[in-house]
């Protein structure tokens, strides 16, 4: 298996209301991130990119909080798959073989 590729996950979070909101995200791969929003009085959209270094199933968790409240984000399952590298089909001895390779 070739783990030289990386898998990018895009997470979009809408924060509605709140002052001095801090968003904490745990990516379930040993890394996390913290984003501060000074004022989310109407609606703030936070877009986060995270790169997973290997395929697998990850449970993304998070929390938005400030001095007076906190809200836990529902756990989200992220499934990261390895890309198919090659495909070889062999037919009967009377048929030629077929080889497909993605460029």
PDB file of N, CA and C in Angstrom:
ATOM      1  N   UNK A   1       0.833  -1.180   0.000  1.00  0.00           N
ATOM      2  CA  UNK A   1       0.000   0.000   0.000  1.00  0.00           C
ATOM      3  C   UNK A   1       0.878   1.244   0.000  1.00  0.00           C
ATOM      4  N   UNK A   2       0.485   2.218  -0.772  1.00  0.00           N
ATOM      5  CA  UNK A   2       1.237   3.464  -0.874  1.00  0.00           C
ATOM      6  C   UNK A   2       0.542   4.537  -0.050  1.00  0.00           C
ATOM      7  N   UNK A   3       1.139   4.922   1.089  1.00  0.00           N
ATOM      8  CA  UNK A   3       0.549   5.943   1.946  1.00  0.00           C
ATOM      9  C   UNK A   3       1.113   7.308   1.631  1.00  0.00           C
ATOM     10  N   UNK A   4       1.739   7.481   0.461  1.00  0.00           N
ATOM     11  CA  UNK A   4       2.336   8.772   0.127  1.00  0.00           C
ATOM     12  C   UNK A   4       1.274   9.819  -0.205  1.00  0.00           C
ATOM     13  N   UNK A   5       0.043   9.391  -0.475  1.00  0.00           N
ATOM     14  CA  UNK A   5      -1.029  10.339  -0.744  1.00  0.00           C
ATOM     15  C   UNK A   5      -1.599  10.857   0.563  1.00  0.00           C
ATOM     16  N   UNK A   6      -2.245  11.991   0.517  1.00  0.00           N
ATOM     17  CA  UNK A   6      -2.957  12.527   1.668  1.00  0.00           C
ATOM     18  C   UNK A   6      -4.413  12.709   1.293  1.00  0.00           C
ATOM     19  N   UNK A   7      -5.297  12.632   2.272  1.00  0.00           N
ATOM     20  CA  UNK A   7      -6.722  12.745   2.047  1.00  0.00           C
ATOM     21  C   UNK A   7      -7.227  13.984   2.764  1.00  0.00           C
ATOM     22  N   UNK A   8      -7.846  14.907   2.020  1.00  0.00           N
ATOM     23  CA  UNK A   8      -8.278  16.187   2.575  1.00  0.00           C
ATOM     24  C   UNK A   8      -9.773  16.130   2.896  1.00  0.00           C
ATOM     25  N   UNK A   9     -10.115  16.584   4.102  1.00  0.00           N
ATOM     26  CA  UNK A   9     -11.496  16.651   4.568  1.00  0.00           C
ATOM     27  C   UNK A   9     -11.864  18.123   4.724  1.00  0.00           C
ATOM     28  N   UNK A  10     -13.008  18.521   4.217  1.00  0.00           N
ATOM     29  CA  UNK A  10     -13.516  19.885   4.349  1.00  0.00           C
ATOM     30  C   UNK A  10     -14.670  19.859   5.344  1.00  0.00           C
ATOM     31  N   UNK A  11     -14.586  20.678   6.392  1.00  0.00           N
ATOM     32  CA  UNK A  11     -15.633  20.782   7.397  1.00  0.00           C
ATOM     33  C   UNK A  11     -16.152  22.212   7.398  1.00  0.00           C
ATOM     34  N   UNK A  12     -17.472  22.372   7.284  1.00  0.00           N
ATOM     35  CA  UNK A  12     -18.092  23.690   7.335  1.00  0.00           C
ATOM     36  C   UNK A  12     -18.992  23.729   8.564  1.00  0.00           C
ATOM     37  N   UNK A  13     -18.773  24.732   9.437  1.00  0.00           N
ATOM     38  CA  UNK A  13     -19.531  24.880  10.672  1.00  0.00           C
ATOM     39  C   UNK A  13     -20.224  26.236  10.652  1.00  0.00           C
ATOM     40  N   UNK A  14     -21.528  26.248  10.939  1.00  0.00           N
ATOM     41  CA  UNK A  14     -22.281  27.491  11.053  1.00  0.00           C
ATOM     42  C   UNK A  14     -22.457  27.789  12.538  1.00  0.00           C
ATOM     43  N   UNK A  15     -21.977  28.936  12.985  1.00  0.00           N
ATOM     44  CA  UNK A  15     -22.148  29.367  14.373  1.00  0.00           C
ATOM     45  C   UNK A  15     -23.170  30.492  14.363  1.00  0.00           C
ATOM     46  N   UNK A  16     -24.264  30.290  15.075  1.00  0.00           N
ATOM     47  CA  UNK A  16     -25.347  31.277  15.088  1.00  0.00           C
ATOM     48  C   UNK A  16     -25.438  31.861  16.493  1.00  0.00           C
ATOM     49  N   UNK A  17     -25.164  33.141  16.595  1.00  0.00           N
ATOM     50  CA  UNK A  17     -25.221  33.835  17.873  1.00  0.00           C
ATOM     51  C   UNK A  17     -23.987  33.587  18.722  1.00  0.00           C
ATOM     52  N   UNK A  18     -23.795  34.473  19.692  1.00  0.00           N
ATOM     53  CA  UNK A  18     -22.694  34.301  20.636  1.00  0.00           C
ATOM     54  C   UNK A  18     -21.606  35.332  20.447  1.00  0.00           C
ATOM     55  N   UNK A  19     -20.925  35.643  21.543  1.00  0.00           N
ATOM     56  CA  UNK A  19     -19.799  36.569  21.547  1.00  0.00           C
ATOM     57  C   UNK A  19     -18.580  35.817  22.049  1.00  0.00           C
ATOM     58  N   UNK A  20     -17.440  36.092  21.454  1.00  0.00           N
ATOM     59  CA  UNK A  20     -16.186  35.434  21.834  1.00  0.00           C
ATOM     60  C   UNK A  20     -16.320  33.912  21.832  1.00  0.00           C
ATOM     61  N   UNK A  21     -16.841  33.380  20.751  1.00  0.00           N
ATOM     62  CA  UNK A  21     -17.040  31.934  20.613  1.00  0.00           C
ATOM     63  C   UNK A  21     -15.705  31.279  20.241  1.00  0.00           C
ATOM     64  N   UNK A  22     -15.423  30.165  20.891  1.00  0.00           N
ATOM     65  CA  UNK A  22     -14.237  29.365  20.577  1.00  0.00           C
ATOM     66  C   UNK A  22     -14.720  28.005  20.087  1.00  0.00           C
ATOM     67  N   UNK A  23     -14.276  27.598  18.909  1.00  0.00           N
ATOM     68  CA  UNK A  23     -14.643  26.325  18.304  1.00  0.00           C
ATOM     69  C   UNK A  23     -13.464  25.366  18.441  1.00  0.00           C
ATOM     70  N   UNK A  24     -13.692  24.206  19.054  1.00  0.00           N
ATOM     71  CA  UNK A  24     -12.668  23.170  19.218  1.00  0.00           C
ATOM     72  C   UNK A  24     -13.074  21.949  18.403  1.00  0.00           C
ATOM     73  N   UNK A  25     -12.188  21.472  17.539  1.00  0.00           N
ATOM     74  CA  UNK A  25     -12.455  20.286  16.718  1.00  0.00           C
ATOM     75  C   UNK A  25     -11.377  19.248  16.984  1.00  0.00           C
ATOM     76  N   UNK A  26     -11.800  18.003  17.244  1.00  0.00           N
ATOM     77  CA  UNK A  26     -10.884  16.862  17.382  1.00  0.00           C
ATOM     78  C   UNK A  26     -11.084  15.990  16.146  1.00  0.00           C
ATOM     79  N   UNK A  27     -10.023  15.831  15.359  1.00  0.00           N
ATOM     80  CA  UNK A  27     -10.101  15.115  14.082  1.00  0.00           C
ATOM     81  C   UNK A  27      -9.972  13.599  14.257  1.00  0.00           C
ATOM     82  N   UNK A  28      -9.749  13.106  15.477  1.00  0.00           N
ATOM     83  CA  UNK A  28      -9.654  11.676  15.795  1.00  0.00           C
ATOM     84  C   UNK A  28      -8.452  10.989  15.155  1.00  0.00           C
ATOM     85  N   UNK A  29      -7.439  11.757  14.828  1.00  0.00           N
ATOM     86  CA  UNK A  29      -6.200  11.156  14.320  1.00  0.00           C
ATOM     87  C   UNK A  29      -5.001  11.654  15.135  1.00  0.00           C
ATOM     88  N   UNK A  30      -5.287  12.149  16.347  1.00  0.00           N
ATOM     89  CA  UNK A  30      -4.233  12.675  17.195  1.00  0.00           C
ATOM     90  C   UNK A  30      -4.028  14.171  17.044  1.00  0.00           C
ATOM     91  N   UNK A  31      -4.839  14.815  16.195  1.00  0.00           N
ATOM     92  CA  UNK A  31      -4.720  16.256  16.000  1.00  0.00           C
ATOM     93  C   UNK A  31      -6.047  16.928  16.317  1.00  0.00           C
ATOM     94  N   UNK A  32      -5.966  18.214  16.633  1.00  0.00           N
ATOM     95  CA  UNK A  32      -7.166  19.009  16.884  1.00  0.00           C
ATOM     96  C   UNK A  32      -6.874  20.447  16.460  1.00  0.00           C
ATOM     97  N   UNK A  33      -7.907  21.278  16.448  1.00  0.00           N
ATOM     98  CA  UNK A  33      -7.709  22.681  16.118  1.00  0.00           C
ATOM     99  C   UNK A  33      -8.665  23.531  16.939  1.00  0.00           C
ATOM    100  N   UNK A  34      -8.281  24.778  17.130  1.00  0.00           N
ATOM    101  CA  UNK A  34      -9.089  25.740  17.883  1.00  0.00           C
ATOM    102  C   UNK A  34      -9.230  26.985  17.017  1.00  0.00           C
ATOM    103  N   UNK A  35     -10.474  27.463  16.854  1.00  0.00           N
ATOM    104  CA  UNK A  35     -10.750  28.660  16.071  1.00  0.00           C
ATOM    105  C   UNK A  35     -11.536  29.616  16.955  1.00  0.00           C
ATOM    106  N   UNK A  36     -11.102  30.871  17.026  1.00  0.00           N
ATOM    107  CA  UNK A  36     -11.808  31.882  17.813  1.00  0.00           C
ATOM    108  C   UNK A  36     -12.606  32.799  16.891  1.00  0.00           C
ATOM    109  N   UNK A  37     -13.841  33.078  17.287  1.00  0.00           N
ATOM    110  CA  UNK A  37     -14.717  33.989  16.547  1.00  0.00           C
ATOM    111  C   UNK A  37     -15.101  35.108  17.501  1.00  0.00           C
ATOM    112  N   UNK A  38     -14.664  36.331  17.236  1.00  0.00           N
ATOM    113  CA  UNK A  38     -14.903  37.453  18.146  1.00  0.00           C
ATOM    114  C   UNK A  38     -16.377  37.727  18.333  1.00  0.00           C
ATOM    115  N   UNK A  39     -17.160  37.705  17.233  1.00  0.00           N
ATOM    116  CA  UNK A  39     -18.563  38.042  17.343  1.00  0.00           C
ATOM    117  C   UNK A  39     -19.353  37.252  16.302  1.00  0.00           C
ATOM    118  N   UNK A  40     -20.190  36.343  16.771  1.00  0.00           N
ATOM    119  CA  UNK A  40     -21.034  35.553  15.871  1.00  0.00           C
ATOM    120  C   UNK A  40     -22.492  35.923  16.112  1.00  0.00           C
ATOM    121  N   UNK A  41     -22.754  37.221  16.322  1.00  0.00           N
ATOM    122  CA  UNK A  41     -24.095  37.653  16.721  1.00  0.00           C
ATOM    123  C   UNK A  41     -25.166  37.280  15.705  1.00  0.00           C
ATOM    124  N   UNK A  42     -24.864  37.305  14.427  1.00  0.00           N
ATOM    125  CA  UNK A  42     -25.827  36.862  13.419  1.00  0.00           C
ATOM    126  C   UNK A  42     -25.525  35.417  13.059  1.00  0.00           C
ATOM    127  N   UNK A  43     -24.595  35.241  12.146  1.00  0.00           N
ATOM    128  CA  UNK A  43     -24.163  33.897  11.768  1.00  0.00           C
ATOM    129  C   UNK A  43     -22.738  33.986  11.243  1.00  0.00           C
ATOM    130  N   UNK A  44     -21.913  33.088  11.704  1.00  0.00           N
ATOM    131  CA  UNK A  44     -20.537  33.006  11.233  1.00  0.00           C
ATOM    132  C   UNK A  44     -20.341  31.627  10.617  1.00  0.00           C
ATOM    133  N   UNK A  45     -19.738  31.579   9.436  1.00  0.00           N
ATOM    134  CA  UNK A  45     -19.436  30.314   8.782  1.00  0.00           C
ATOM    135  C   UNK A  45     -17.929  30.097   8.871  1.00  0.00           C
ATOM    136  N   UNK A  46     -17.547  28.964   9.452  1.00  0.00           N
ATOM    137  CA  UNK A  46     -16.136  28.611   9.591  1.00  0.00           C
ATOM    138  C   UNK A  46     -15.871  27.420   8.685  1.00  0.00           C
ATOM    139  N   UNK A  47     -14.890  27.543   7.802  1.00  0.00           N
ATOM    140  CA  UNK A  47     -14.508  26.461   6.905  1.00  0.00           C
ATOM    141  C   UNK A  47     -13.128  25.966   7.311  1.00  0.00           C
ATOM    142  N   UNK A  48     -13.032  24.673   7.579  1.00  0.00           N
ATOM    143  CA  UNK A  48     -11.777  24.068   8.010  1.00  0.00           C
ATOM    144  C   UNK A  48     -11.380  22.975   7.035  1.00  0.00           C
ATOM    145  N   UNK A  49     -10.109  22.935   6.677  1.00  0.00           N
ATOM    146  CA  UNK A  49      -9.549  21.845   5.880  1.00  0.00           C
ATOM    147  C   UNK A  49      -8.637  21.034   6.787  1.00  0.00           C
ATOM    148  N   UNK A  50      -8.763  19.721   6.709  1.00  0.00           N
ATOM    149  CA  UNK A  50      -7.883  18.842   7.478  1.00  0.00           C
ATOM    150  C   UNK A  50      -7.371  17.752   6.561  1.00  0.00           C
ATOM    151  N   UNK A  51      -6.105  17.428   6.697  1.00  0.00           N
ATOM    152  CA  UNK A  51      -5.501  16.391   5.874  1.00  0.00           C
ATOM    153  C   UNK A  51      -5.233  15.153   6.721  1.00  0.00           C
ATOM    154  N   UNK A  52      -5.853  14.045   6.327  1.00  0.00           N
ATOM    155  CA  UNK A  52      -5.580  12.756   6.967  1.00  0.00           C
ATOM    156  C   UNK A  52      -4.406  12.111   6.240  1.00  0.00           C
ATOM    157  N   UNK A  53      -3.489  11.528   7.003  1.00  0.00           N
ATOM    158  CA  UNK A  53      -2.288  10.945   6.399  1.00  0.00           C
ATOM    159  C   UNK A  53      -2.479   9.495   5.992  1.00  0.00           C
ATOM    160  N   UNK A  54      -3.595   8.881   6.415  1.00  0.00           N
ATOM    161  CA  UNK A  54      -3.852   7.497   6.021  1.00  0.00           C
ATOM    162  C   UNK A  54      -5.349   7.237   6.005  1.00  0.00           C
ATOM    163  N   UNK A  55      -5.788   6.231   5.250  1.00  0.00           N
ATOM    164  CA  UNK A  55      -7.213   5.914   5.215  1.00  0.00           C
ATOM    165  C   UNK A  55      -7.666   5.276   6.524  1.00  0.00           C
ATOM    166  N   UNK A  56      -8.964   5.302   6.756  1.00  0.00           N
ATOM    167  CA  UNK A  56      -9.550   4.706   7.953  1.00  0.00           C
ATOM    168  C   UNK A  56     -10.853   5.386   8.293  1.00  0.00           C
ATOM    169  N   UNK A  57     -11.468   4.972   9.384  1.00  0.00           N
ATOM    170  CA  UNK A  57     -12.698   5.589   9.886  1.00  0.00           C
ATOM    171  C   UNK A  57     -12.345   6.465  11.076  1.00  0.00           C
ATOM    172  N   UNK A  58     -12.790   7.696  11.043  1.00  0.00           N
ATOM    173  CA  UNK A  58     -12.473   8.666  12.082  1.00  0.00           C
ATOM    174  C   UNK A  58     -13.780   9.282  12.580  1.00  0.00           C
ATOM    175  N   UNK A  59     -13.890   9.475  13.900  1.00  0.00           N
ATOM    176  CA  UNK A  59     -15.066  10.103  14.486  1.00  0.00           C
ATOM    177  C   UNK A  59     -14.700  11.522  14.876  1.00  0.00           C
ATOM    178  N   UNK A  60     -15.179  12.466  14.120  1.00  0.00           N
ATOM    179  CA  UNK A  60     -14.894  13.877  14.322  1.00  0.00           C
ATOM    180  C   UNK A  60     -15.799  14.407  15.433  1.00  0.00           C
ATOM    181  N   UNK A  61     -15.234  15.090  16.421  1.00  0.00           N
ATOM    182  CA  UNK A  61     -16.015  15.664  17.518  1.00  0.00           C
ATOM    183  C   UNK A  61     -15.640  17.123  17.688  1.00  0.00           C
ATOM    184  N   UNK A  62     -16.497  17.865  18.368  1.00  0.00           N
ATOM    185  CA  UNK A  62     -16.179  19.267  18.575  1.00  0.00           C
ATOM    186  C   UNK A  62     -17.100  19.933  19.569  1.00  0.00           C
ATOM    187  N   UNK A  63     -16.728  21.171  19.901  1.00  0.00           N
ATOM    188  CA  UNK A  63     -17.514  21.959  20.838  1.00  0.00           C
ATOM    189  C   UNK A  63     -17.332  23.434  20.514  1.00  0.00           C
ATOM    190  N   UNK A  64     -18.420  24.178  20.617  1.00  0.00           N
ATOM    191  CA  UNK A  64     -18.371  25.637  20.517  1.00  0.00           C
ATOM    192  C   UNK A  64     -18.743  26.168  21.894  1.00  0.00           C
ATOM    193  N   UNK A  65     -17.921  27.067  22.430  1.00  0.00           N
ATOM    194  CA  UNK A  65     -18.244  27.598  23.748  1.00  0.00           C
ATOM    195  C   UNK A  65     -17.771  29.042  23.897  1.00  0.00           C
ATOM    196  N   UNK A  66     -18.342  29.694  24.897  1.00  0.00           N
ATOM    197  CA  UNK A  66     -17.893  31.016  25.328  1.00  0.00           C
ATOM    198  C   UNK A  66     -18.065  31.068  26.841  1.00  0.00           C
ATOM    199  N   UNK A  67     -18.018  32.238  27.428  1.00  0.00           N
ATOM    200  CA  UNK A  67     -18.058  32.368  28.882  1.00  0.00           C
ATOM    201  C   UNK A  67     -19.365  31.849  29.482  1.00  0.00           C
ATOM    202  N   UNK A  68     -20.470  31.969  28.757  1.00  0.00           N
ATOM    203  CA  UNK A  68     -21.772  31.637  29.344  1.00  0.00           C
ATOM    204  C   UNK A  68     -22.420  30.360  28.820  1.00  0.00           C
ATOM    205  N   UNK A  69     -21.880  29.739  27.784  1.00  0.00           N
ATOM    206  CA  UNK A  69     -22.536  28.543  27.250  1.00  0.00           C
ATOM    207  C   UNK A  69     -21.551  27.675  26.486  1.00  0.00           C
ATOM    208  N   UNK A  70     -21.981  26.425  26.228  1.00  0.00           N
ATOM    209  CA  UNK A  70     -21.224  25.551  25.338  1.00  0.00           C
ATOM    210  C   UNK A  70     -22.182  24.600  24.642  1.00  0.00           C
ATOM    211  N   UNK A  71     -21.842  24.257  23.427  1.00  0.00           N
ATOM    212  CA  UNK A  71     -22.649  23.345  22.617  1.00  0.00           C
ATOM    213  C   UNK A  71     -21.702  22.308  22.038  1.00  0.00           C
ATOM    214  N   UNK A  72     -22.013  21.043  22.278  1.00  0.00           N
ATOM    215  CA  UNK A  72     -21.220  19.959  21.692  1.00  0.00           C
ATOM    216  C   UNK A  72     -21.733  19.666  20.288  1.00  0.00           C
ATOM    217  N   UNK A  73     -20.828  19.491  19.373  1.00  0.00           N
ATOM    218  CA  UNK A  73     -21.192  19.095  18.012  1.00  0.00           C
ATOM    219  C   UNK A  73     -21.428  17.592  18.003  1.00  0.00           C
ATOM    220  N   UNK A  74     -22.426  17.144  17.269  1.00  0.00           N
ATOM    221  CA  UNK A  74     -22.681  15.714  17.157  1.00  0.00           C
ATOM    222  C   UNK A  74     -21.493  15.043  16.503  1.00  0.00           C
ATOM    223  N   UNK A  75     -21.173  13.833  16.977  1.00  0.00           N
ATOM    224  CA  UNK A  75     -20.077  13.080  16.374  1.00  0.00           C
ATOM    225  C   UNK A  75     -20.383  12.816  14.903  1.00  0.00           C
ATOM    226  N   UNK A  76     -19.390  13.023  14.069  1.00  0.00           N
ATOM    227  CA  UNK A  76     -19.530  12.791  12.638  1.00  0.00           C
ATOM    228  C   UNK A  76     -18.507  11.757  12.207  1.00  0.00           C
ATOM    229  N   UNK A  77     -18.965  10.705  11.555  1.00  0.00           N
ATOM    230  CA  UNK A  77     -18.062   9.679  11.051  1.00  0.00           C
ATOM    231  C   UNK A  77     -17.470  10.140   9.726  1.00  0.00           C
ATOM    232  N   UNK A  78     -16.158  10.102   9.635  1.00  0.00           N
ATOM    233  CA  UNK A  78     -15.458  10.423   8.399  1.00  0.00           C
ATOM    234  C   UNK A  78     -14.790   9.138   7.930  1.00  0.00           C
ATOM    235  N   UNK A  79     -15.156   8.653   6.744  1.00  0.00           N
ATOM    236  CA  UNK A  79     -14.552   7.444   6.179  1.00  0.00           C
ATOM    237  C   UNK A  79     -13.579   7.867   5.088  1.00  0.00           C
ATOM    238  N   UNK A  80     -12.316   7.535   5.281  1.00  0.00           N
ATOM    239  CA  UNK A  80     -11.265   7.890   4.328  1.00  0.00           C
ATOM    240  C   UNK A  80     -10.821   6.602   3.652  1.00  0.00           C
ATOM    241  N   UNK A  81     -10.956   6.553   2.333  1.00  0.00           N
ATOM    242  CA  UNK A  81     -10.652   5.352   1.567  1.00  0.00           C
ATOM    243  C   UNK A  81      -9.388   5.536   0.749  1.00  0.00           C
ATOM    244  N   UNK A  82      -8.695   4.437   0.502  1.00  0.00           N
ATOM    245  CA  UNK A  82      -7.537   4.454  -0.384  1.00  0.00           C
ATOM    246  C   UNK A  82      -8.036   4.381  -1.829  1.00  0.00           C
ATOM    247  N   UNK A  83      -7.398   5.152  -2.688  1.00  0.00           N
ATOM    248  CA  UNK A  83      -7.749   5.173  -4.111  1.00  0.00           C
ATOM    249  C   UNK A  83      -7.320   3.863  -4.776  1.00  0.00           C
ATOM    250  N   UNK A  84      -8.118   3.367  -5.723  1.00  0.00           N
ATOM    251  CA  UNK A  84      -7.745   2.182  -6.514  1.00  0.00           C
ATOM    252  C   UNK A  84      -6.548   2.560  -7.378  1.00  0.00           C
ATOM    253  N   UNK A  85      -5.488   1.783  -7.295  1.00  0.00           N
ATOM    254  CA  UNK A  85      -4.260   2.092  -8.019  1.00  0.00           C
ATOM    255  C   UNK A  85      -4.189   1.425  -9.391  1.00  0.00           C
ATOM    256  N   UNK A  86      -4.819   0.255  -9.535  1.00  0.00           N
ATOM    257  CA  UNK A  86      -4.659  -0.488 -10.775  1.00  0.00           C
ATOM    258  C   UNK A  86      -5.780  -1.524 -10.876  1.00  0.00           C
ATOM    259  N   UNK A  87      -6.030  -2.012 -12.074  1.00  0.00           N
ATOM    260  CA  UNK A  87      -7.041  -3.044 -12.297  1.00  0.00           C
ATOM    261  C   UNK A  87      -6.569  -3.938 -13.434  1.00  0.00           C
ATOM    262  N   UNK A  88      -6.524  -5.229 -13.190  1.00  0.00           N
ATOM    263  CA  UNK A  88      -6.131  -6.192 -14.218  1.00  0.00           C
ATOM    264  C   UNK A  88      -7.209  -7.258 -14.287  1.00  0.00           C
ATOM    265  N   UNK A  89      -7.736  -7.499 -15.489  1.00  0.00           N
ATOM    266  CA  UNK A  89      -8.738  -8.538 -15.707  1.00  0.00           C
ATOM    267  C   UNK A  89      -8.159  -9.586 -16.637  1.00  0.00           C
ATOM    268  N   UNK A  90      -8.330 -10.837 -16.302  1.00  0.00           N
ATOM    269  CA  UNK A  90      -7.874 -11.930 -17.162  1.00  0.00           C
ATOM    270  C   UNK A  90      -9.091 -12.715 -17.625  1.00  0.00           C
ATOM    271  N   UNK A  91      -9.166 -12.939 -18.933  1.00  0.00           N
ATOM    272  CA  UNK A  91     -10.276 -13.683 -19.512  1.00  0.00           C
ATOM    273  C   UNK A  91      -9.818 -15.097 -19.816  1.00  0.00           C
ATOM    274  N   UNK A  92     -10.640 -15.870 -20.525  1.00  0.00           N
ATOM    275  CA  UNK A  92     -10.274 -17.239 -20.876  1.00  0.00           C
ATOM    276  C   UNK A  92      -9.022 -17.237 -21.743  1.00  0.00           C
ATOM    277  N   UNK A  93      -8.425 -18.399 -21.917  1.00  0.00           N
ATOM    278  CA  UNK A  93      -7.160 -18.501 -22.658  1.00  0.00           C
ATOM    279  C   UNK A  93      -7.281 -18.062 -24.112  1.00  0.00           C
ATOM    280  N   UNK A  94      -8.492 -18.018 -24.667  1.00  0.00           N
ATOM    281  CA  UNK A  94      -8.687 -17.586 -26.051  1.00  0.00           C
ATOM    282  C   UNK A  94      -8.841 -16.074 -26.170  1.00  0.00           C
ATOM    283  N   UNK A  95      -9.003 -15.386 -25.052  1.00  0.00           N
ATOM    284  CA  UNK A  95      -9.218 -13.941 -25.080  1.00  0.00           C
ATOM    285  C   UNK A  95      -7.972 -13.224 -24.559  1.00  0.00           C
ATOM    286  N   UNK A  96      -7.694 -12.052 -25.107  1.00  0.00           N
ATOM    287  CA  UNK A  96      -6.551 -11.293 -24.589  1.00  0.00           C
ATOM    288  C   UNK A  96      -6.898 -10.707 -23.208  1.00  0.00           C
ATOM    289  N   UNK A  97      -5.860 -10.446 -22.441  1.00  0.00           N
ATOM    290  CA  UNK A  97      -6.114  -9.840 -21.127  1.00  0.00           C
ATOM    291  C   UNK A  97      -6.336  -8.340 -21.289  1.00  0.00           C
ATOM    292  N   UNK A  98      -6.997  -7.772 -20.356  1.00  0.00           N
ATOM    293  CA  UNK A  98      -7.307  -6.332 -20.374  1.00  0.00           C
ATOM    294  C   UNK A  98      -6.622  -5.710 -19.183  1.00  0.00           C
ATOM    295  N   UNK A  99      -5.919  -4.609 -19.404  1.00  0.00           N
ATOM    296  CA  UNK A  99      -5.220  -3.926 -18.325  1.00  0.00           C
ATOM    297  C   UNK A  99      -5.635  -2.469 -18.333  1.00  0.00           C
ATOM    298  N   UNK A 100      -6.127  -1.991 -17.178  1.00  0.00           N
ATOM    299  CA  UNK A 100      -6.538  -0.586 -17.059  1.00  0.00           C
ATOM    300  C   UNK A 100      -5.643   0.065 -16.039  1.00  0.00           C
ATOM    301  N   UNK A 101      -5.184   1.247 -16.352  1.00  0.00           N
ATOM    302  CA  UNK A 101      -4.362   2.010 -15.410  1.00  0.00           C
ATOM    303  C   UNK A 101      -4.803   3.455 -15.435  1.00  0.00           C
ATOM    304  N   UNK A 102      -5.133   4.002 -14.245  1.00  0.00           N
ATOM    305  CA  UNK A 102      -5.557   5.412 -14.155  1.00  0.00           C
ATOM    306  C   UNK A 102      -4.342   6.310 -14.247  1.00  0.00           C
ATOM    307  N   UNK A 103      -4.452   7.354 -15.060  1.00  0.00           N
ATOM    308  CA  UNK A 103      -3.324   8.301 -15.220  1.00  0.00           C
ATOM    309  C   UNK A 103      -3.381   9.372 -14.189  1.00  0.00           C
TER     310      UNK A 103
END
